[in-house]
């Protein structure tokens, strides 16, 4: 029973596209409002536009490194599951249904690409006052933080 529950948790935590679809559905309305505190407090909006842009870009790069490490950890945990059935299901689910990969670097790349699309769409419907780059980067920070919370051990 414990192995089964662990397998379910691992499959759930590795479905990057599922997270993106859920985040898109759940985040479009909230994105019209101020971002959640963790993403919003990274850089103060009172700085100059250049300084704020640099700050949010650096924060996003740091989050992406954190995400890369989390995906490697989850993939390592998945490889340690003794069931070959789980391994097959995990890879088939990721490569077939979600059109991604069991490779953590590929998962991160796919997440970043989809994340940018979601945030660009959110910007197009939000009418926020900040510029495109700052808005979308803050949005990407929030989405990445949400995924990182899902990937916690």
N, C-alpha and C. Protein backbone atom coordinates (compact mmCIF):
# COMPACT_ATOMS: atom_id res chain seq x y z
N UNK A 1 0.83 -1.19 0.00
CA UNK A 1 0.00 0.00 0.00
C UNK A 1 0.87 1.25 0.00
N UNK A 2 1.95 1.24 0.82
CA UNK A 2 2.84 2.40 0.89
C UNK A 2 3.51 2.65 -0.45
N UNK A 3 3.99 1.59 -1.10
CA UNK A 3 4.63 1.74 -2.41
C UNK A 3 3.62 2.28 -3.41
N UNK A 4 2.41 1.80 -3.38
CA UNK A 4 1.38 2.28 -4.29
C UNK A 4 1.12 3.77 -4.08
N UNK A 5 0.99 4.19 -2.84
CA UNK A 5 0.76 5.61 -2.56
C UNK A 5 1.96 6.45 -2.99
N UNK A 6 3.17 5.92 -2.77
CA UNK A 6 4.37 6.63 -3.20
C UNK A 6 4.41 6.74 -4.72
N UNK A 7 4.04 5.68 -5.41
CA UNK A 7 4.00 5.71 -6.88
C UNK A 7 3.02 6.76 -7.38
N UNK A 8 1.87 6.82 -6.77
CA UNK A 8 0.87 7.82 -7.16
C UNK A 8 1.41 9.22 -6.94
N UNK A 9 2.08 9.43 -5.81
CA UNK A 9 2.64 10.75 -5.50
C UNK A 9 3.69 11.13 -6.54
N UNK A 10 4.54 10.19 -6.93
CA UNK A 10 5.57 10.48 -7.90
C UNK A 10 4.99 10.81 -9.26
N UNK A 11 4.03 10.02 -9.70
CA UNK A 11 3.40 10.29 -11.00
C UNK A 11 2.74 11.66 -10.96
N UNK A 12 2.05 11.94 -9.88
CA UNK A 12 1.37 13.23 -9.74
C UNK A 12 2.37 14.37 -9.78
N UNK A 13 3.49 14.21 -9.11
CA UNK A 13 4.45 15.30 -9.03
C UNK A 13 5.21 15.52 -10.33
N UNK A 14 5.23 14.56 -11.23
CA UNK A 14 5.99 14.69 -12.45
C UNK A 14 5.19 15.14 -13.66
N UNK A 15 3.95 15.37 -13.51
CA UNK A 15 3.13 15.72 -14.66
C UNK A 15 3.14 17.23 -14.87
N UNK A 16 4.19 17.68 -15.53
CA UNK A 16 4.39 19.10 -15.75
C UNK A 16 3.23 19.72 -16.54
N UNK A 17 2.81 19.08 -17.59
CA UNK A 17 1.73 19.66 -18.39
C UNK A 17 0.42 19.72 -17.62
N UNK A 18 0.15 18.72 -16.80
CA UNK A 18 -1.06 18.77 -15.98
C UNK A 18 -1.01 19.97 -15.07
N UNK A 19 0.13 20.19 -14.45
CA UNK A 19 0.27 21.36 -13.58
C UNK A 19 0.02 22.64 -14.36
N UNK A 20 0.57 22.70 -15.56
CA UNK A 20 0.38 23.91 -16.36
C UNK A 20 -1.08 24.14 -16.71
N UNK A 21 -1.78 23.08 -17.09
CA UNK A 21 -3.19 23.23 -17.43
C UNK A 21 -3.99 23.67 -16.21
N UNK A 22 -3.70 23.07 -15.07
CA UNK A 22 -4.39 23.46 -13.85
C UNK A 22 -4.03 24.87 -13.44
N UNK A 23 -2.75 25.21 -13.57
CA UNK A 23 -2.33 26.55 -13.22
C UNK A 23 -2.96 27.59 -14.13
N UNK A 24 -3.07 27.27 -15.41
CA UNK A 24 -3.71 28.20 -16.33
C UNK A 24 -5.15 28.44 -15.93
N UNK A 25 -5.87 27.36 -15.71
CA UNK A 25 -7.28 27.50 -15.34
C UNK A 25 -7.45 28.23 -14.02
N UNK A 26 -6.60 27.90 -13.06
CA UNK A 26 -6.73 28.49 -11.73
C UNK A 26 -6.13 29.88 -11.63
N UNK A 27 -5.25 30.23 -12.56
CA UNK A 27 -4.52 31.48 -12.38
C UNK A 27 -5.00 32.65 -13.22
N UNK A 28 -5.81 32.43 -14.21
CA UNK A 28 -6.19 33.55 -15.05
C UNK A 28 -6.95 34.63 -14.28
N UNK A 29 -7.92 34.24 -13.49
CA UNK A 29 -8.65 35.24 -12.72
C UNK A 29 -7.77 35.85 -11.63
N UNK A 30 -7.05 35.02 -10.83
CA UNK A 30 -6.19 35.63 -9.81
C UNK A 30 -5.10 36.52 -10.39
N UNK A 31 -4.66 36.27 -11.62
CA UNK A 31 -3.63 37.11 -12.21
C UNK A 31 -4.13 38.51 -12.49
N UNK A 32 -5.43 38.68 -12.50
CA UNK A 32 -5.97 40.01 -12.66
C UNK A 32 -5.79 40.82 -11.38
N UNK A 33 -5.53 40.12 -10.28
CA UNK A 33 -5.30 40.73 -8.98
C UNK A 33 -3.80 40.75 -8.71
N UNK A 34 -3.34 41.37 -7.62
CA UNK A 34 -1.91 41.33 -7.31
C UNK A 34 -1.43 39.90 -7.12
N UNK A 35 -0.15 39.66 -7.46
CA UNK A 35 0.42 38.33 -7.34
C UNK A 35 0.55 37.91 -5.89
N UNK A 36 0.58 36.61 -5.62
CA UNK A 36 0.76 36.15 -4.26
C UNK A 36 2.05 36.70 -3.66
N UNK A 37 2.09 36.82 -2.36
CA UNK A 37 3.20 37.45 -1.66
C UNK A 37 4.58 36.91 -2.05
N UNK A 38 4.83 35.59 -2.11
CA UNK A 38 6.19 35.14 -2.40
C UNK A 38 6.74 35.68 -3.72
N UNK A 39 5.93 35.72 -4.76
CA UNK A 39 6.41 36.23 -6.04
C UNK A 39 6.42 37.74 -6.07
N UNK A 40 5.46 38.37 -5.41
CA UNK A 40 5.34 39.82 -5.46
C UNK A 40 6.41 40.49 -4.61
N UNK A 41 6.87 39.86 -3.53
CA UNK A 41 7.81 40.50 -2.63
C UNK A 41 9.26 40.33 -3.06
N UNK A 42 9.52 39.59 -4.11
CA UNK A 42 10.88 39.36 -4.54
C UNK A 42 11.57 40.67 -4.89
N UNK A 43 10.89 41.53 -5.61
CA UNK A 43 11.45 42.80 -6.06
C UNK A 43 10.41 43.89 -5.83
N UNK A 44 10.84 44.98 -5.30
CA UNK A 44 9.90 46.06 -5.02
C UNK A 44 9.58 46.84 -6.28
N UNK A 45 8.30 47.14 -6.48
CA UNK A 45 7.91 47.92 -7.66
C UNK A 45 8.34 49.37 -7.59
N UNK A 46 8.84 49.83 -6.45
CA UNK A 46 9.26 51.23 -6.33
C UNK A 46 10.61 51.50 -6.98
N UNK A 47 11.34 50.44 -7.36
CA UNK A 47 12.62 50.60 -8.03
C UNK A 47 12.38 51.11 -9.45
N UNK A 48 13.46 51.51 -10.10
CA UNK A 48 13.32 51.91 -11.49
C UNK A 48 12.91 50.71 -12.32
N UNK A 49 12.37 50.96 -13.50
CA UNK A 49 11.93 49.87 -14.37
C UNK A 49 13.11 48.96 -14.73
N UNK A 50 14.25 49.55 -15.00
CA UNK A 50 15.44 48.76 -15.35
C UNK A 50 15.85 47.89 -14.17
N UNK A 51 15.89 48.47 -12.98
CA UNK A 51 16.30 47.72 -11.79
C UNK A 51 15.28 46.63 -11.46
N UNK A 52 13.99 46.95 -11.60
CA UNK A 52 12.96 45.95 -11.32
C UNK A 52 13.02 44.81 -12.33
N UNK A 53 13.23 45.13 -13.58
CA UNK A 53 13.34 44.09 -14.62
C UNK A 53 14.52 43.18 -14.32
N UNK A 54 15.67 43.76 -14.00
CA UNK A 54 16.85 42.97 -13.68
C UNK A 54 16.58 42.09 -12.45
N UNK A 55 15.95 42.67 -11.45
CA UNK A 55 15.66 41.93 -10.22
C UNK A 55 14.74 40.73 -10.48
N UNK A 56 13.65 40.93 -11.21
CA UNK A 56 12.72 39.82 -11.45
C UNK A 56 13.33 38.76 -12.35
N UNK A 57 14.18 39.18 -13.30
CA UNK A 57 14.85 38.20 -14.16
C UNK A 57 15.82 37.34 -13.35
N UNK A 58 16.57 37.97 -12.45
CA UNK A 58 17.50 37.21 -11.60
C UNK A 58 16.73 36.28 -10.67
N UNK A 59 15.61 36.76 -10.14
CA UNK A 59 14.79 35.92 -9.26
C UNK A 59 14.24 34.72 -10.02
N UNK A 60 13.81 34.94 -11.27
CA UNK A 60 13.29 33.83 -12.07
C UNK A 60 14.38 32.83 -12.39
N UNK A 61 15.58 33.31 -12.70
CA UNK A 61 16.70 32.39 -12.96
C UNK A 61 17.00 31.54 -11.73
N UNK A 62 16.94 32.16 -10.54
CA UNK A 62 17.17 31.41 -9.30
C UNK A 62 16.06 30.36 -9.09
N UNK A 63 14.81 30.73 -9.37
CA UNK A 63 13.70 29.78 -9.24
C UNK A 63 13.86 28.64 -10.23
N UNK A 64 14.31 28.96 -11.45
CA UNK A 64 14.51 27.91 -12.46
C UNK A 64 15.59 26.93 -12.02
N UNK A 65 16.65 27.43 -11.37
CA UNK A 65 17.69 26.53 -10.86
C UNK A 65 17.10 25.64 -9.75
N UNK A 66 16.29 26.24 -8.90
CA UNK A 66 15.64 25.48 -7.83
C UNK A 66 14.70 24.42 -8.41
N UNK A 67 13.96 24.79 -9.45
CA UNK A 67 13.06 23.84 -10.12
C UNK A 67 13.86 22.70 -10.74
N UNK A 68 14.97 23.02 -11.40
CA UNK A 68 15.81 21.98 -12.00
C UNK A 68 16.25 20.96 -10.97
N UNK A 69 16.68 21.44 -9.81
CA UNK A 69 17.11 20.54 -8.73
C UNK A 69 15.94 19.70 -8.23
N UNK A 70 14.76 20.32 -8.10
CA UNK A 70 13.59 19.58 -7.62
C UNK A 70 13.19 18.48 -8.61
N UNK A 71 13.23 18.78 -9.90
CA UNK A 71 12.88 17.78 -10.91
C UNK A 71 13.89 16.64 -10.94
N UNK A 72 15.17 16.94 -10.74
CA UNK A 72 16.19 15.89 -10.67
C UNK A 72 15.92 15.00 -9.46
N UNK A 73 15.58 15.61 -8.33
CA UNK A 73 15.30 14.84 -7.11
C UNK A 73 14.10 13.91 -7.33
N UNK A 74 13.03 14.43 -7.94
CA UNK A 74 11.84 13.62 -8.16
C UNK A 74 12.14 12.48 -9.13
N UNK A 75 12.89 12.77 -10.19
CA UNK A 75 13.25 11.72 -11.15
C UNK A 75 14.12 10.65 -10.47
N UNK A 76 15.00 11.08 -9.60
CA UNK A 76 15.85 10.13 -8.86
C UNK A 76 14.99 9.25 -7.96
N UNK A 77 14.03 9.84 -7.29
CA UNK A 77 13.10 9.07 -6.45
C UNK A 77 12.32 8.07 -7.30
N UNK A 78 11.90 8.50 -8.48
CA UNK A 78 11.13 7.62 -9.35
C UNK A 78 11.97 6.43 -9.80
N UNK A 79 13.25 6.68 -10.11
CA UNK A 79 14.13 5.59 -10.54
C UNK A 79 14.34 4.57 -9.43
N UNK A 80 14.18 4.99 -8.19
CA UNK A 80 14.41 4.08 -7.07
C UNK A 80 13.19 3.23 -6.73
N UNK A 81 12.05 3.53 -7.35
CA UNK A 81 10.86 2.71 -7.11
C UNK A 81 11.12 1.33 -7.71
N UNK A 82 10.97 0.26 -6.93
CA UNK A 82 11.35 -1.08 -7.41
C UNK A 82 10.42 -1.69 -8.46
N UNK A 83 9.32 -1.07 -8.76
CA UNK A 83 8.35 -1.67 -9.67
C UNK A 83 8.62 -1.28 -11.13
N UNK A 84 8.84 -2.27 -11.99
CA UNK A 84 9.03 -1.99 -13.42
C UNK A 84 7.73 -1.50 -14.04
N UNK A 85 6.60 -1.96 -13.51
CA UNK A 85 5.30 -1.48 -14.00
C UNK A 85 5.18 0.02 -13.79
N UNK A 86 5.61 0.49 -12.62
CA UNK A 86 5.57 1.92 -12.34
C UNK A 86 6.46 2.67 -13.31
N UNK A 87 7.68 2.16 -13.55
CA UNK A 87 8.61 2.84 -14.46
C UNK A 87 8.00 3.01 -15.85
N UNK A 88 7.38 1.95 -16.34
CA UNK A 88 6.75 1.99 -17.66
C UNK A 88 5.59 2.98 -17.67
N UNK A 89 4.73 2.90 -16.67
CA UNK A 89 3.60 3.82 -16.57
C UNK A 89 4.06 5.26 -16.50
N UNK A 90 5.07 5.50 -15.69
CA UNK A 90 5.60 6.86 -15.50
C UNK A 90 6.12 7.42 -16.81
N UNK A 91 6.96 6.65 -17.52
CA UNK A 91 7.51 7.13 -18.79
C UNK A 91 6.44 7.27 -19.86
N UNK A 92 5.54 6.28 -19.96
CA UNK A 92 4.48 6.35 -20.97
C UNK A 92 3.57 7.55 -20.73
N UNK A 93 3.26 7.80 -19.48
CA UNK A 93 2.40 8.93 -19.13
C UNK A 93 3.06 10.24 -19.53
N UNK A 94 4.35 10.38 -19.21
CA UNK A 94 5.06 11.62 -19.51
C UNK A 94 5.29 11.80 -21.01
N UNK A 95 5.73 10.75 -21.69
CA UNK A 95 6.07 10.89 -23.10
C UNK A 95 4.85 10.83 -24.00
N UNK A 96 3.85 10.03 -23.65
CA UNK A 96 2.67 9.90 -24.49
C UNK A 96 1.64 10.98 -24.24
N UNK A 97 0.98 10.90 -23.11
CA UNK A 97 -0.13 11.80 -22.81
C UNK A 97 0.32 13.24 -22.65
N UNK A 98 1.42 13.47 -21.93
CA UNK A 98 1.85 14.84 -21.64
C UNK A 98 2.90 15.36 -22.62
N UNK A 99 3.31 14.55 -23.57
CA UNK A 99 4.26 14.93 -24.61
C UNK A 99 5.48 15.63 -24.03
N UNK A 100 6.02 15.07 -22.99
CA UNK A 100 7.26 15.58 -22.41
C UNK A 100 8.22 14.42 -22.26
N UNK A 101 8.99 14.39 -21.23
CA UNK A 101 10.04 13.39 -21.10
C UNK A 101 10.24 13.03 -19.63
N UNK A 102 10.87 11.91 -19.40
CA UNK A 102 11.25 11.54 -18.04
C UNK A 102 12.56 12.23 -17.65
N UNK A 103 13.19 12.89 -18.60
CA UNK A 103 14.43 13.62 -18.36
C UNK A 103 14.12 14.94 -17.66
N UNK A 104 14.66 15.17 -16.46
CA UNK A 104 14.36 16.39 -15.72
C UNK A 104 14.69 17.68 -16.47
N UNK A 105 15.78 17.68 -17.24
CA UNK A 105 16.13 18.90 -17.97
C UNK A 105 15.10 19.18 -19.07
N UNK A 106 14.59 18.14 -19.71
CA UNK A 106 13.55 18.31 -20.73
C UNK A 106 12.24 18.75 -20.08
N UNK A 107 11.93 18.21 -18.91
CA UNK A 107 10.73 18.62 -18.20
C UNK A 107 10.81 20.11 -17.85
N UNK A 108 11.97 20.54 -17.37
CA UNK A 108 12.14 21.96 -17.02
C UNK A 108 12.00 22.84 -18.26
N UNK A 109 12.59 22.41 -19.37
CA UNK A 109 12.49 23.19 -20.62
C UNK A 109 11.04 23.30 -21.07
N UNK A 110 10.32 22.19 -21.02
CA UNK A 110 8.91 22.19 -21.42
C UNK A 110 8.08 23.08 -20.50
N UNK A 111 8.35 23.01 -19.21
CA UNK A 111 7.63 23.85 -18.26
C UNK A 111 7.88 25.32 -18.55
N UNK A 112 9.15 25.69 -18.78
CA UNK A 112 9.46 27.11 -19.05
C UNK A 112 8.74 27.60 -20.31
N UNK A 113 8.70 26.77 -21.34
CA UNK A 113 8.04 27.17 -22.59
C UNK A 113 6.54 27.37 -22.38
N UNK A 114 5.91 26.44 -21.70
CA UNK A 114 4.48 26.55 -21.45
C UNK A 114 4.18 27.69 -20.48
N UNK A 115 5.04 27.86 -19.50
CA UNK A 115 4.87 28.93 -18.51
C UNK A 115 4.86 30.29 -19.20
N UNK A 116 5.76 30.50 -20.14
CA UNK A 116 5.83 31.78 -20.85
C UNK A 116 4.53 32.02 -21.63
N UNK A 117 4.01 30.97 -22.26
CA UNK A 117 2.75 31.11 -23.01
C UNK A 117 1.60 31.48 -22.10
N UNK A 118 1.51 30.81 -20.96
CA UNK A 118 0.43 31.08 -20.01
C UNK A 118 0.50 32.54 -19.54
N UNK A 119 1.70 32.98 -19.20
CA UNK A 119 1.85 34.33 -18.67
C UNK A 119 1.63 35.40 -19.74
N UNK A 120 2.04 35.12 -20.97
CA UNK A 120 1.77 36.06 -22.06
C UNK A 120 0.27 36.18 -22.29
N UNK A 121 -0.43 35.06 -22.22
CA UNK A 121 -1.89 35.09 -22.37
C UNK A 121 -2.52 35.88 -21.23
N UNK A 122 -2.05 35.63 -20.01
CA UNK A 122 -2.59 36.34 -18.85
C UNK A 122 -2.38 37.84 -19.00
N UNK A 123 -1.22 38.23 -19.50
CA UNK A 123 -0.95 39.66 -19.70
C UNK A 123 -1.92 40.24 -20.72
N UNK A 124 -2.24 39.48 -21.74
CA UNK A 124 -3.11 40.00 -22.79
C UNK A 124 -4.53 40.24 -22.31
N UNK A 125 -4.95 39.57 -21.23
CA UNK A 125 -6.32 39.75 -20.74
C UNK A 125 -6.39 40.53 -19.43
N UNK A 126 -5.24 40.90 -18.86
CA UNK A 126 -5.25 41.45 -17.50
C UNK A 126 -5.35 42.96 -17.42
N UNK A 127 -4.86 43.67 -18.42
CA UNK A 127 -4.85 45.14 -18.38
C UNK A 127 -4.08 45.67 -17.17
N UNK A 128 -3.04 44.97 -16.75
CA UNK A 128 -2.19 45.43 -15.64
C UNK A 128 -1.38 46.64 -16.09
N UNK A 129 -0.98 47.46 -15.14
CA UNK A 129 -0.24 48.67 -15.46
C UNK A 129 1.23 48.45 -15.75
N UNK A 130 1.82 47.36 -15.23
CA UNK A 130 3.25 47.15 -15.45
C UNK A 130 3.51 46.71 -16.88
N UNK A 131 4.77 46.84 -17.28
CA UNK A 131 5.15 46.45 -18.62
C UNK A 131 5.08 44.96 -18.84
N UNK A 132 5.13 44.58 -20.10
CA UNK A 132 5.03 43.17 -20.49
C UNK A 132 6.06 42.31 -19.78
N UNK A 133 7.32 42.69 -19.85
CA UNK A 133 8.40 41.87 -19.29
C UNK A 133 8.28 41.69 -17.79
N UNK A 134 8.02 42.76 -17.08
CA UNK A 134 7.91 42.67 -15.63
C UNK A 134 6.70 41.84 -15.24
N UNK A 135 5.58 42.09 -15.89
CA UNK A 135 4.35 41.34 -15.57
C UNK A 135 4.54 39.85 -15.83
N UNK A 136 5.03 39.51 -17.03
CA UNK A 136 5.15 38.09 -17.36
C UNK A 136 6.19 37.40 -16.50
N UNK A 137 7.26 38.08 -16.17
CA UNK A 137 8.28 37.46 -15.31
C UNK A 137 7.74 37.24 -13.91
N UNK A 138 6.99 38.19 -13.37
CA UNK A 138 6.37 37.99 -12.05
C UNK A 138 5.36 36.83 -12.11
N UNK A 139 4.63 36.74 -13.20
CA UNK A 139 3.70 35.64 -13.40
C UNK A 139 4.46 34.32 -13.43
N UNK A 140 5.58 34.28 -14.16
CA UNK A 140 6.38 33.07 -14.24
C UNK A 140 6.94 32.69 -12.87
N UNK A 141 7.33 33.68 -12.09
CA UNK A 141 7.79 33.41 -10.72
C UNK A 141 6.69 32.74 -9.91
N UNK A 142 5.47 33.27 -10.01
CA UNK A 142 4.35 32.70 -9.25
C UNK A 142 4.04 31.27 -9.68
N UNK A 143 4.03 31.02 -10.98
CA UNK A 143 3.74 29.67 -11.48
C UNK A 143 4.85 28.69 -11.08
N UNK A 144 6.09 29.13 -11.16
CA UNK A 144 7.20 28.27 -10.79
C UNK A 144 7.15 27.95 -9.30
N UNK A 145 6.85 28.95 -8.48
CA UNK A 145 6.73 28.72 -7.04
C UNK A 145 5.62 27.72 -6.75
N UNK A 146 4.50 27.82 -7.48
CA UNK A 146 3.40 26.89 -7.29
C UNK A 146 3.82 25.46 -7.63
N UNK A 147 4.54 25.29 -8.73
CA UNK A 147 5.02 23.95 -9.09
C UNK A 147 6.02 23.44 -8.06
N UNK A 148 6.92 24.30 -7.61
CA UNK A 148 7.89 23.89 -6.60
C UNK A 148 7.19 23.41 -5.33
N UNK A 149 6.11 24.06 -4.96
CA UNK A 149 5.35 23.63 -3.78
C UNK A 149 4.77 22.25 -4.00
N UNK A 150 4.35 21.94 -5.23
CA UNK A 150 3.80 20.62 -5.54
C UNK A 150 4.88 19.54 -5.53
N UNK A 151 6.12 19.92 -5.81
CA UNK A 151 7.22 18.97 -5.90
C UNK A 151 7.94 18.76 -4.57
N UNK A 152 7.51 19.45 -3.53
CA UNK A 152 8.16 19.27 -2.23
C UNK A 152 8.05 17.83 -1.77
N UNK A 153 9.13 17.33 -1.13
CA UNK A 153 9.09 15.94 -0.64
C UNK A 153 8.08 15.75 0.47
